[in-house]
């Protein structure tokens, strides 16, 4: 299974505009969802997306970036929309 550090490094390499793991966003394993949860927060909003175990492992093992990039890109885009409203 992928580690938190693996997920953070991959997000930072694929989507540098997301910022730094642990500062701009948080990554934790959600045992209830059986998936990695990526949280972006600001003063007014909290957005969360889930990355399934198999998607995370495929992204790391096979360099498949599409699910991870799309989910986190959409999350970042939504946060920017909230900032502008």
PDB file of N, CA and C in Angstrom:
ATOM      1  N   UNK A   1       0.844  -1.183   0.000  1.00  0.00           N
ATOM      2  CA  UNK A   1       0.000   0.000   0.000  1.00  0.00           C
ATOM      3  C   UNK A   1       0.885   1.241   0.000  1.00  0.00           C
ATOM      4  N   UNK A   2       0.433   2.263  -0.669  1.00  0.00           N
ATOM      5  CA  UNK A   2       1.154   3.529  -0.736  1.00  0.00           C
ATOM      6  C   UNK A   2       1.225   4.161   0.656  1.00  0.00           C
ATOM      7  N   UNK A   3       2.257   4.935   0.881  1.00  0.00           N
ATOM      8  CA  UNK A   3       2.380   5.648   2.155  1.00  0.00           C
ATOM      9  C   UNK A   3       1.958   7.103   1.967  1.00  0.00           C
ATOM     10  N   UNK A   4       1.728   7.763   3.081  1.00  0.00           N
ATOM     11  CA  UNK A   4       1.391   9.189   3.054  1.00  0.00           C
ATOM     12  C   UNK A   4       2.491   9.975   2.344  1.00  0.00           C
ATOM     13  N   UNK A   5       3.731   9.658   2.643  1.00  0.00           N
ATOM     14  CA  UNK A   5       4.860  10.359   2.037  1.00  0.00           C
ATOM     15  C   UNK A   5       4.880  10.152   0.520  1.00  0.00           C
ATOM     16  N   UNK A   6       4.572   8.919   0.079  1.00  0.00           N
ATOM     17  CA  UNK A   6       4.515   8.625  -1.354  1.00  0.00           C
ATOM     18  C   UNK A   6       3.449   9.477  -2.045  1.00  0.00           C
ATOM     19  N   UNK A   7       2.262   9.533  -1.420  1.00  0.00           N
ATOM     20  CA  UNK A   7       1.150  10.305  -1.999  1.00  0.00           C
ATOM     21  C   UNK A   7       1.519  11.786  -2.051  1.00  0.00           C
ATOM     22  N   UNK A   8       2.075  12.304  -0.978  1.00  0.00           N
ATOM     23  CA  UNK A   8       2.463  13.720  -0.937  1.00  0.00           C
ATOM     24  C   UNK A   8       3.486  14.045  -2.022  1.00  0.00           C
ATOM     25  N   UNK A   9       4.510  13.222  -2.142  1.00  0.00           N
ATOM     26  CA  UNK A   9       5.542  13.464  -3.162  1.00  0.00           C
ATOM     27  C   UNK A   9       4.959  13.444  -4.562  1.00  0.00           C
ATOM     28  N   UNK A  10       4.033  12.510  -4.814  1.00  0.00           N
ATOM     29  CA  UNK A  10       3.437  12.408  -6.137  1.00  0.00           C
ATOM     30  C   UNK A  10       2.573  13.631  -6.437  1.00  0.00           C
ATOM     31  N   UNK A  11       1.763  14.054  -5.472  1.00  0.00           N
ATOM     32  CA  UNK A  11       0.924  15.240  -5.684  1.00  0.00           C
ATOM     33  C   UNK A  11       1.809  16.453  -5.955  1.00  0.00           C
ATOM     34  N   UNK A  12       2.871  16.617  -5.178  1.00  0.00           N
ATOM     35  CA  UNK A  12       3.758  17.768  -5.366  1.00  0.00           C
ATOM     36  C   UNK A  12       4.460  17.723  -6.717  1.00  0.00           C
ATOM     37  N   UNK A  13       4.765  16.535  -7.221  1.00  0.00           N
ATOM     38  CA  UNK A  13       5.437  16.456  -8.520  1.00  0.00           C
ATOM     39  C   UNK A  13       4.468  16.632  -9.679  1.00  0.00           C
ATOM     40  N   UNK A  14       3.240  16.127  -9.532  1.00  0.00           N
ATOM     41  CA  UNK A  14       2.259  16.184 -10.608  1.00  0.00           C
ATOM     42  C   UNK A  14       1.516  17.518 -10.621  1.00  0.00           C
ATOM     43  N   UNK A  15       1.261  18.071  -9.452  1.00  0.00           N
ATOM     44  CA  UNK A  15       0.441  19.267  -9.324  1.00  0.00           C
ATOM     45  C   UNK A  15       1.114  20.257  -8.374  1.00  0.00           C
ATOM     46  N   UNK A  16       2.246  20.843  -8.799  1.00  0.00           N
ATOM     47  CA  UNK A  16       2.978  21.729  -7.884  1.00  0.00           C
ATOM     48  C   UNK A  16       2.169  22.932  -7.413  1.00  0.00           C
ATOM     49  N   UNK A  17       1.189  23.370  -8.196  1.00  0.00           N
ATOM     50  CA  UNK A  17       0.384  24.527  -7.793  1.00  0.00           C
ATOM     51  C   UNK A  17      -0.512  24.217  -6.596  1.00  0.00           C
ATOM     52  N   UNK A  18      -0.638  22.938  -6.225  1.00  0.00           N
ATOM     53  CA  UNK A  18      -1.414  22.579  -5.035  1.00  0.00           C
ATOM     54  C   UNK A  18      -0.706  23.015  -3.764  1.00  0.00           C
ATOM     55  N   UNK A  19       0.594  23.256  -3.849  1.00  0.00           N
ATOM     56  CA  UNK A  19       1.340  23.696  -2.676  1.00  0.00           C
ATOM     57  C   UNK A  19       2.083  22.550  -2.024  1.00  0.00           C
ATOM     58  N   UNK A  20       2.316  22.686  -0.733  1.00  0.00           N
ATOM     59  CA  UNK A  20       3.119  21.718   0.023  1.00  0.00           C
ATOM     60  C   UNK A  20       2.229  20.874   0.926  1.00  0.00           C
ATOM     61  N   UNK A  21       2.501  19.594   0.929  1.00  0.00           N
ATOM     62  CA  UNK A  21       1.783  18.654   1.786  1.00  0.00           C
ATOM     63  C   UNK A  21       2.058  19.005   3.249  1.00  0.00           C
ATOM     64  N   UNK A  22       1.005  19.007   4.038  1.00  0.00           N
ATOM     65  CA  UNK A  22       1.136  19.335   5.450  1.00  0.00           C
ATOM     66  C   UNK A  22       1.023  20.822   5.724  1.00  0.00           C
ATOM     67  N   UNK A  23       1.116  21.634   4.682  1.00  0.00           N
ATOM     68  CA  UNK A  23       0.988  23.085   4.839  1.00  0.00           C
ATOM     69  C   UNK A  23      -0.244  23.580   4.080  1.00  0.00           C
ATOM     70  N   UNK A  24      -0.264  23.349   2.765  1.00  0.00           N
ATOM     71  CA  UNK A  24      -1.357  23.813   1.923  1.00  0.00           C
ATOM     72  C   UNK A  24      -2.484  22.793   1.825  1.00  0.00           C
ATOM     73  N   UNK A  25      -2.173  21.552   2.018  1.00  0.00           N
ATOM     74  CA  UNK A  25      -3.176  20.486   2.015  1.00  0.00           C
ATOM     75  C   UNK A  25      -2.691  19.355   2.920  1.00  0.00           C
ATOM     76  N   UNK A  26      -3.637  18.521   3.314  1.00  0.00           N
ATOM     77  CA  UNK A  26      -3.341  17.397   4.201  1.00  0.00           C
ATOM     78  C   UNK A  26      -3.683  16.090   3.495  1.00  0.00           C
ATOM     79  N   UNK A  27      -2.915  15.058   3.765  1.00  0.00           N
ATOM     80  CA  UNK A  27      -3.177  13.728   3.235  1.00  0.00           C
ATOM     81  C   UNK A  27      -3.213  12.768   4.410  1.00  0.00           C
ATOM     82  N   UNK A  28      -4.306  12.038   4.530  1.00  0.00           N
ATOM     83  CA  UNK A  28      -4.460  11.042   5.592  1.00  0.00           C
ATOM     84  C   UNK A  28      -5.226   9.852   5.035  1.00  0.00           C
ATOM     85  N   UNK A  29      -4.964   8.683   5.581  1.00  0.00           N
ATOM     86  CA  UNK A  29      -5.721   7.512   5.168  1.00  0.00           C
ATOM     87  C   UNK A  29      -7.015   7.454   5.958  1.00  0.00           C
ATOM     88  N   UNK A  30      -8.134   7.361   5.264  1.00  0.00           N
ATOM     89  CA  UNK A  30      -9.456   7.285   5.884  1.00  0.00           C
ATOM     90  C   UNK A  30      -9.856   5.817   5.936  1.00  0.00           C
ATOM     91  N   UNK A  31      -9.808   5.244   7.125  1.00  0.00           N
ATOM     92  CA  UNK A  31     -10.091   3.814   7.263  1.00  0.00           C
ATOM     93  C   UNK A  31     -11.551   3.487   6.961  1.00  0.00           C
ATOM     94  N   UNK A  32     -12.465   4.417   7.211  1.00  0.00           N
ATOM     95  CA  UNK A  32     -13.876   4.171   6.909  1.00  0.00           C
ATOM     96  C   UNK A  32     -14.118   4.107   5.401  1.00  0.00           C
ATOM     97  N   UNK A  33     -13.447   4.979   4.655  1.00  0.00           N
ATOM     98  CA  UNK A  33     -13.617   5.020   3.201  1.00  0.00           C
ATOM     99  C   UNK A  33     -12.663   4.069   2.480  1.00  0.00           C
ATOM    100  N   UNK A  34     -11.684   3.541   3.191  1.00  0.00           N
ATOM    101  CA  UNK A  34     -10.648   2.687   2.584  1.00  0.00           C
ATOM    102  C   UNK A  34      -9.992   3.409   1.405  1.00  0.00           C
ATOM    103  N   UNK A  35      -9.637   4.662   1.659  1.00  0.00           N
ATOM    104  CA  UNK A  35      -9.048   5.500   0.612  1.00  0.00           C
ATOM    105  C   UNK A  35      -8.227   6.610   1.262  1.00  0.00           C
ATOM    106  N   UNK A  36      -7.342   7.184   0.459  1.00  0.00           N
ATOM    107  CA  UNK A  36      -6.576   8.343   0.911  1.00  0.00           C
ATOM    108  C   UNK A  36      -7.445   9.581   0.764  1.00  0.00           C
ATOM    109  N   UNK A  37      -7.502  10.387   1.802  1.00  0.00           N
ATOM    110  CA  UNK A  37      -8.264  11.638   1.787  1.00  0.00           C
ATOM    111  C   UNK A  37      -7.286  12.790   1.638  1.00  0.00           C
ATOM    112  N   UNK A  38      -7.583  13.664   0.679  1.00  0.00           N
ATOM    113  CA  UNK A  38      -6.783  14.872   0.467  1.00  0.00           C
ATOM    114  C   UNK A  38      -7.677  16.054   0.821  1.00  0.00           C
ATOM    115  N   UNK A  39      -7.250  16.843   1.804  1.00  0.00           N
ATOM    116  CA  UNK A  39      -8.033  17.971   2.304  1.00  0.00           C
ATOM    117  C   UNK A  39      -7.348  19.287   1.996  1.00  0.00           C
ATOM    118  N   UNK A  40      -8.123  20.202   1.423  1.00  0.00           N
ATOM    119  CA  UNK A  40      -7.693  21.583   1.234  1.00  0.00           C
ATOM    120  C   UNK A  40      -8.616  22.453   2.071  1.00  0.00           C
ATOM    121  N   UNK A  41      -8.034  23.342   2.847  1.00  0.00           N
ATOM    122  CA  UNK A  41      -8.837  24.204   3.710  1.00  0.00           C
ATOM    123  C   UNK A  41      -8.372  25.649   3.579  1.00  0.00           C
ATOM    124  N   UNK A  42      -9.319  26.524   3.765  1.00  0.00           N
ATOM    125  CA  UNK A  42      -8.987  27.927   3.963  1.00  0.00           C
ATOM    126  C   UNK A  42      -9.874  28.416   5.099  1.00  0.00           C
ATOM    127  N   UNK A  43      -9.945  29.714   5.305  1.00  0.00           N
ATOM    128  CA  UNK A  43     -10.717  30.233   6.433  1.00  0.00           C
ATOM    129  C   UNK A  43     -12.209  29.932   6.327  1.00  0.00           C
ATOM    130  N   UNK A  44     -12.716  29.831   5.084  1.00  0.00           N
ATOM    131  CA  UNK A  44     -14.156  29.666   4.892  1.00  0.00           C
ATOM    132  C   UNK A  44     -14.578  28.303   4.374  1.00  0.00           C
ATOM    133  N   UNK A  45     -13.716  27.589   3.732  1.00  0.00           N
ATOM    134  CA  UNK A  45     -14.108  26.369   3.043  1.00  0.00           C
ATOM    135  C   UNK A  45     -13.214  25.191   3.409  1.00  0.00           C
ATOM    136  N   UNK A  46     -13.781  24.014   3.257  1.00  0.00           N
ATOM    137  CA  UNK A  46     -13.033  22.781   3.432  1.00  0.00           C
ATOM    138  C   UNK A  46     -13.465  21.846   2.306  1.00  0.00           C
ATOM    139  N   UNK A  47     -12.521  21.465   1.480  1.00  0.00           N
ATOM    140  CA  UNK A  47     -12.795  20.568   0.369  1.00  0.00           C
ATOM    141  C   UNK A  47     -11.992  19.290   0.547  1.00  0.00           C
ATOM    142  N   UNK A  48     -12.626  18.173   0.252  1.00  0.00           N
ATOM    143  CA  UNK A  48     -11.989  16.873   0.445  1.00  0.00           C
ATOM    144  C   UNK A  48     -12.253  15.995  -0.771  1.00  0.00           C
ATOM    145  N   UNK A  49     -11.222  15.290  -1.187  1.00  0.00           N
ATOM    146  CA  UNK A  49     -11.371  14.283  -2.236  1.00  0.00           C
ATOM    147  C   UNK A  49     -10.710  12.997  -1.769  1.00  0.00           C
ATOM    148  N   UNK A  50     -11.169  11.902  -2.328  1.00  0.00           N
ATOM    149  CA  UNK A  50     -10.640  10.600  -1.958  1.00  0.00           C
ATOM    150  C   UNK A  50      -9.920   9.968  -3.140  1.00  0.00           C
ATOM    151  N   UNK A  51      -8.816   9.311  -2.845  1.00  0.00           N
ATOM    152  CA  UNK A  51      -8.061   8.567  -3.841  1.00  0.00           C
ATOM    153  C   UNK A  51      -8.050   7.117  -3.378  1.00  0.00           C
ATOM    154  N   UNK A  52      -8.686   6.266  -4.141  1.00  0.00           N
ATOM    155  CA  UNK A  52      -8.783   4.856  -3.785  1.00  0.00           C
ATOM    156  C   UNK A  52      -7.398   4.224  -3.760  1.00  0.00           C
ATOM    157  N   UNK A  53      -7.251   3.199  -2.927  1.00  0.00           N
ATOM    158  CA  UNK A  53      -5.964   2.506  -2.793  1.00  0.00           C
ATOM    159  C   UNK A  53      -5.390   2.082  -4.141  1.00  0.00           C
ATOM    160  N   UNK A  54      -6.213   1.471  -4.958  1.00  0.00           N
ATOM    161  CA  UNK A  54      -5.727   0.965  -6.247  1.00  0.00           C
ATOM    162  C   UNK A  54      -5.287   2.110  -7.159  1.00  0.00           C
ATOM    163  N   UNK A  55      -6.005   3.240  -7.137  1.00  0.00           N
ATOM    164  CA  UNK A  55      -5.605   4.400  -7.940  1.00  0.00           C
ATOM    165  C   UNK A  55      -4.274   4.956  -7.463  1.00  0.00           C
ATOM    166  N   UNK A  56      -4.109   5.044  -6.157  1.00  0.00           N
ATOM    167  CA  UNK A  56      -2.861   5.560  -5.597  1.00  0.00           C
ATOM    168  C   UNK A  56      -1.695   4.650  -5.957  1.00  0.00           C
ATOM    169  N   UNK A  57      -1.888   3.364  -5.805  1.00  0.00           N
ATOM    170  CA  UNK A  57      -0.810   2.424  -6.103  1.00  0.00           C
ATOM    171  C   UNK A  57      -0.481   2.408  -7.589  1.00  0.00           C
ATOM    172  N   UNK A  58      -1.502   2.444  -8.454  1.00  0.00           N
ATOM    173  CA  UNK A  58      -1.258   2.509  -9.899  1.00  0.00           C
ATOM    174  C   UNK A  58      -0.484   3.771 -10.265  1.00  0.00           C
ATOM    175  N   UNK A  59      -0.847   4.864  -9.632  1.00  0.00           N
ATOM    176  CA  UNK A  59      -0.172   6.132  -9.906  1.00  0.00           C
ATOM    177  C   UNK A  59       1.305   6.035  -9.541  1.00  0.00           C
ATOM    178  N   UNK A  60       1.596   5.384  -8.437  1.00  0.00           N
ATOM    179  CA  UNK A  60       2.976   5.260  -7.984  1.00  0.00           C
ATOM    180  C   UNK A  60       3.752   4.200  -8.760  1.00  0.00           C
ATOM    181  N   UNK A  61       3.127   3.049  -8.980  1.00  0.00           N
ATOM    182  CA  UNK A  61       3.822   1.931  -9.621  1.00  0.00           C
ATOM    183  C   UNK A  61       3.944   2.083 -11.131  1.00  0.00           C
ATOM    184  N   UNK A  62       2.877   2.527 -11.740  1.00  0.00           N
ATOM    185  CA  UNK A  62       2.810   2.540 -13.202  1.00  0.00           C
ATOM    186  C   UNK A  62       2.870   3.952 -13.778  1.00  0.00           C
ATOM    187  N   UNK A  63       3.092   4.919 -12.917  1.00  0.00           N
ATOM    188  CA  UNK A  63       3.168   6.321 -13.320  1.00  0.00           C
ATOM    189  C   UNK A  63       1.897   6.776 -14.031  1.00  0.00           C
ATOM    190  N   UNK A  64       0.768   6.251 -13.570  1.00  0.00           N
ATOM    191  CA  UNK A  64      -0.526   6.694 -14.092  1.00  0.00           C
ATOM    192  C   UNK A  64      -0.951   7.892 -13.267  1.00  0.00           C
ATOM    193  N   UNK A  65      -0.937   9.034 -13.857  1.00  0.00           N
ATOM    194  CA  UNK A  65      -1.197  10.264 -13.103  1.00  0.00           C
ATOM    195  C   UNK A  65      -2.609  10.793 -13.285  1.00  0.00           C
ATOM    196  N   UNK A  66      -3.344  10.286 -14.220  1.00  0.00           N
ATOM    197  CA  UNK A  66      -4.615  10.902 -14.566  1.00  0.00           C
ATOM    198  C   UNK A  66      -5.589  10.964 -13.401  1.00  0.00           C
ATOM    199  N   UNK A  67      -5.925   9.860 -12.709  1.00  0.00           N
ATOM    200  CA  UNK A  67      -6.906   9.992 -11.616  1.00  0.00           C
ATOM    201  C   UNK A  67      -6.449  10.966 -10.528  1.00  0.00           C
ATOM    202  N   UNK A  68      -5.216  10.850 -10.116  1.00  0.00           N
ATOM    203  CA  UNK A  68      -4.685  11.712  -9.067  1.00  0.00           C
ATOM    204  C   UNK A  68      -4.667  13.173  -9.511  1.00  0.00           C
ATOM    205  N   UNK A  69      -4.212  13.426 -10.714  1.00  0.00           N
ATOM    206  CA  UNK A  69      -4.141  14.794 -11.220  1.00  0.00           C
ATOM    207  C   UNK A  69      -5.517  15.406 -11.385  1.00  0.00           C
ATOM    208  N   UNK A  70      -6.440  14.639 -11.956  1.00  0.00           N
ATOM    209  CA  UNK A  70      -7.784  15.167 -12.162  1.00  0.00           C
ATOM    210  C   UNK A  70      -8.477  15.474 -10.846  1.00  0.00           C
ATOM    211  N   UNK A  71      -8.401  14.563  -9.902  1.00  0.00           N
ATOM    212  CA  UNK A  71      -9.072  14.782  -8.629  1.00  0.00           C
ATOM    213  C   UNK A  71      -8.489  15.965  -7.878  1.00  0.00           C
ATOM    214  N   UNK A  72      -7.190  16.030  -7.803  1.00  0.00           N
ATOM    215  CA  UNK A  72      -6.577  17.134  -7.067  1.00  0.00           C
ATOM    216  C   UNK A  72      -6.635  18.442  -7.825  1.00  0.00           C
ATOM    217  N   UNK A  73      -6.567  18.385  -9.140  1.00  0.00           N
ATOM    218  CA  UNK A  73      -6.736  19.595  -9.946  1.00  0.00           C
ATOM    219  C   UNK A  73      -8.124  20.169  -9.772  1.00  0.00           C
ATOM    220  N   UNK A  74      -9.134  19.308  -9.762  1.00  0.00           N
ATOM    221  CA  UNK A  74     -10.510  19.764  -9.560  1.00  0.00           C
ATOM    222  C   UNK A  74     -10.685  20.332  -8.161  1.00  0.00           C
ATOM    223  N   UNK A  75     -10.096  19.699  -7.187  1.00  0.00           N
ATOM    224  CA  UNK A  75     -10.179  20.195  -5.821  1.00  0.00           C
ATOM    225  C   UNK A  75      -9.558  21.589  -5.716  1.00  0.00           C
ATOM    226  N   UNK A  76      -8.393  21.771  -6.302  1.00  0.00           N
ATOM    227  CA  UNK A  76      -7.717  23.071  -6.266  1.00  0.00           C
ATOM    228  C   UNK A  76      -8.540  24.116  -7.012  1.00  0.00           C
ATOM    229  N   UNK A  77      -9.102  23.754  -8.161  1.00  0.00           N
ATOM    230  CA  UNK A  77      -9.935  24.669  -8.935  1.00  0.00           C
ATOM    231  C   UNK A  77     -11.156  25.106  -8.113  1.00  0.00           C
ATOM    232  N   UNK A  78     -11.795  24.154  -7.450  1.00  0.00           N
ATOM    233  CA  UNK A  78     -12.958  24.489  -6.615  1.00  0.00           C
ATOM    234  C   UNK A  78     -12.583  25.441  -5.490  1.00  0.00           C
ATOM    235  N   UNK A  79     -11.439  25.231  -4.899  1.00  0.00           N
ATOM    236  CA  UNK A  79     -11.002  26.114  -3.824  1.00  0.00           C
ATOM    237  C   UNK A  79     -10.765  27.528  -4.359  1.00  0.00           C
ATOM    238  N   UNK A  80     -10.183  27.636  -5.537  1.00  0.00           N
ATOM    239  CA  UNK A  80      -9.961  28.956  -6.149  1.00  0.00           C
ATOM    240  C   UNK A  80     -11.280  29.639  -6.449  1.00  0.00           C
ATOM    241  N   UNK A  81     -12.293  28.889  -6.878  1.00  0.00           N
ATOM    242  CA  UNK A  81     -13.616  29.459  -7.097  1.00  0.00           C
ATOM    243  C   UNK A  81     -14.205  30.011  -5.802  1.00  0.00           C
ATOM    244  N   UNK A  82     -14.015  29.272  -4.707  1.00  0.00           N
ATOM    245  CA  UNK A  82     -14.512  29.745  -3.431  1.00  0.00           C
ATOM    246  C   UNK A  82     -13.803  31.015  -2.989  1.00  0.00           C
ATOM    247  N   UNK A  83     -12.523  31.123  -3.267  1.00  0.00           N
ATOM    248  CA  UNK A  83     -11.756  32.315  -2.897  1.00  0.00           C
ATOM    249  C   UNK A  83     -12.265  33.542  -3.657  1.00  0.00           C
ATOM    250  N   UNK A  84     -12.669  33.353  -4.901  1.00  0.00           N
ATOM    251  CA  UNK A  84     -13.076  34.492  -5.718  1.00  0.00           C
ATOM    252  C   UNK A  84     -14.522  34.913  -5.475  1.00  0.00           C
ATOM    253  N   UNK A  85     -15.298  34.099  -4.742  1.00  0.00           N
ATOM    254  CA  UNK A  85     -16.701  34.451  -4.501  1.00  0.00           C
ATOM    255  C   UNK A  85     -16.859  35.298  -3.269  1.00  0.00           C
TER     256      UNK A  85
END
